Protein backbone atom coordinates (compact mmCIF):
# COMPACT_ATOMS: atom_id res chain seq x y z
CA MET A 1 -11.39 72.72 34.04
CA THR A 2 -8.73 70.74 32.15
CA GLU A 3 -6.12 68.99 34.28
CA PRO A 4 -2.52 70.12 33.63
CA TYR A 5 -0.52 67.76 31.44
CA VAL A 6 2.00 65.65 33.32
CA ARG A 7 4.55 63.84 31.17
CA ALA A 8 4.28 60.08 31.68
CA GLY A 9 7.21 57.78 32.30
CA LYS A 10 10.90 58.31 32.87
CA ILE A 11 12.26 61.03 30.59
CA ASN A 12 15.86 61.71 29.59
CA TRP A 13 16.09 64.83 27.40
CA ILE A 14 18.82 64.37 24.80
CA ALA A 15 18.23 67.66 22.97
CA LYS A 16 15.71 70.42 23.59
CA GLY A 17 15.61 73.49 21.38
CA SER A 18 13.11 76.05 20.14
CA ASN A 19 12.09 73.91 17.15
CA VAL A 20 13.08 70.32 17.98
CA GLY A 21 13.06 68.01 20.99
CA VAL A 22 14.65 64.58 21.37
CA GLN A 23 13.96 62.46 24.41
CA GLU A 24 14.50 58.92 25.56
CA ARG A 25 11.34 57.85 27.36
CA THR A 26 10.51 54.69 29.29
CA LEU A 27 6.89 53.77 29.98
CA ALA A 28 5.99 51.12 32.54
CA PRO A 29 2.92 48.93 32.01
CA GLY A 30 -0.15 51.07 32.67
CA GLN A 31 1.59 54.36 31.86
CA VAL A 32 0.31 56.29 28.86
CA ILE A 33 1.14 59.34 26.80
CA PRO A 34 -2.52 60.40 26.53
CA TRP A 35 -4.52 61.23 23.41
CA HIS A 36 -3.34 64.43 21.73
CA TYR A 37 -2.31 65.85 18.37
CA HIS A 38 0.10 68.48 17.05
CA THR A 39 -0.61 71.09 14.38
CA VAL A 40 2.99 72.10 13.75
CA ILE A 41 5.36 69.27 14.66
CA THR A 42 5.69 65.62 13.75
CA ASP A 43 6.23 62.98 16.44
CA THR A 44 8.62 60.27 15.31
CA THR A 45 8.97 57.32 17.68
CA TYR A 46 11.83 54.79 17.54
CA CYS A 47 11.46 51.64 19.66
CA LEU A 48 14.58 50.88 21.70
CA GLU A 49 13.28 48.18 24.05
CA GLY A 50 10.05 46.22 24.55
CA THR A 51 7.12 46.94 22.25
CA VAL A 52 5.67 50.42 21.75
CA GLN A 53 1.95 50.63 20.98
CA ILE A 54 0.70 53.72 19.13
CA GLU A 55 -3.03 54.16 18.70
CA LEU A 56 -4.19 56.70 16.12
CA LEU A 57 -7.40 58.29 14.90
CA GLY A 58 -8.32 59.59 11.44
CA PRO A 59 -8.46 56.73 10.48
CA SER A 60 -8.43 54.48 13.53
CA GLU A 61 -5.25 52.41 13.56
CA ARG A 62 -2.94 50.59 15.97
CA VAL A 63 0.80 50.35 15.31
CA LEU A 64 3.10 48.03 17.25
CA LEU A 65 6.79 48.88 17.09
CA SER A 66 9.44 46.29 17.87
CA VAL A 67 13.05 47.15 18.63
CA GLY A 68 14.56 49.02 15.68
CA GLN A 69 11.22 50.04 14.13
CA SER A 70 9.89 53.59 13.90
CA CYS A 71 6.71 55.49 13.15
CA ALA A 72 6.23 59.15 12.15
CA ILE A 73 2.87 60.64 13.11
CA ALA A 74 1.63 63.36 10.79
CA THR A 75 0.33 66.68 12.05
CA ASN A 76 -3.34 66.87 13.05
CA ARG A 77 -3.54 63.12 13.69
CA PRO A 78 -4.60 62.25 17.26
CA HIS A 79 -2.55 59.55 18.94
CA GLN A 80 -1.65 57.98 22.26
CA ILE A 81 1.37 55.86 23.17
CA THR A 82 1.58 52.96 25.64
CA PRO A 83 3.73 49.91 26.24
CA HIS A 84 2.24 46.80 24.67
CA GLY A 85 1.76 43.93 27.09
CA ASP A 86 2.99 43.65 30.63
CA VAL A 87 6.59 44.84 30.17
CA PRO A 88 8.00 48.38 29.93
CA CYS A 89 8.93 49.96 26.63
CA ARG A 90 11.76 52.40 25.94
CA MET A 91 11.67 54.74 22.97
CA LEU A 92 13.41 57.64 21.35
CA LEU A 93 10.88 60.38 20.67
CA VAL A 94 11.84 63.07 18.15
CA GLN A 95 9.51 66.06 17.98
CA GLY A 96 9.85 68.77 15.35
CA VAL A 97 10.57 70.63 13.29
CA GLY A 98 8.73 73.69 14.53
CA GLU A 99 7.46 75.24 17.74
CA TYR A 100 6.11 72.57 20.11
CA ASP A 101 2.34 72.42 20.35
CA ARG A 102 0.16 69.83 22.06
CA HIS A 103 -3.62 69.62 21.87
CA PRO A 104 -5.41 67.11 24.12
CA VAL A 105 -8.29 65.24 22.52
CA ASP A 106 -11.09 62.94 23.67
CA PRO A 107 -11.06 59.96 21.29
CA LYS A 108 -14.77 59.35 21.94
CA THR A 109 -15.83 62.77 20.65
CA TRP A 110 -13.03 63.72 18.22
CA GLN A 111 -14.02 64.43 14.63
CA PRO A 112 -11.57 65.38 11.87
CA SER A 113 -11.68 69.04 10.87
CA THR A 114 -12.99 69.78 7.41
CA GLY A 115 -10.29 71.31 5.27
CA THR A 116 -7.46 70.43 7.65
CA ALA A 117 -4.97 68.23 5.86
CA SER A 118 -2.04 66.44 7.42
CA ARG A 119 1.34 67.47 6.16
């Protein structure tokens, strides 16, 4: 049985609608937004404080965001987000446009779907 998803970190919802969500989120060292992907929405992360680490699959990649930098994650691309190093990170996370969907993934067994292209 799959464990229910619990949102990591301190969350301050700025806007939450049927097709877009905007949140300020702070992750302490050791906290993680676990591996997942979206089929409808794009996650765009803006670093506000500290360093945000985004790990991605398809292809495997690691992105480090410093204050003022951003990264948009295409649909169908698995990713996880953590603070980099031993200090917290604070980010603005914009999710949309479309109905929110979240699909957990095991990075050890994930394989890209044939015929599924990122938008």
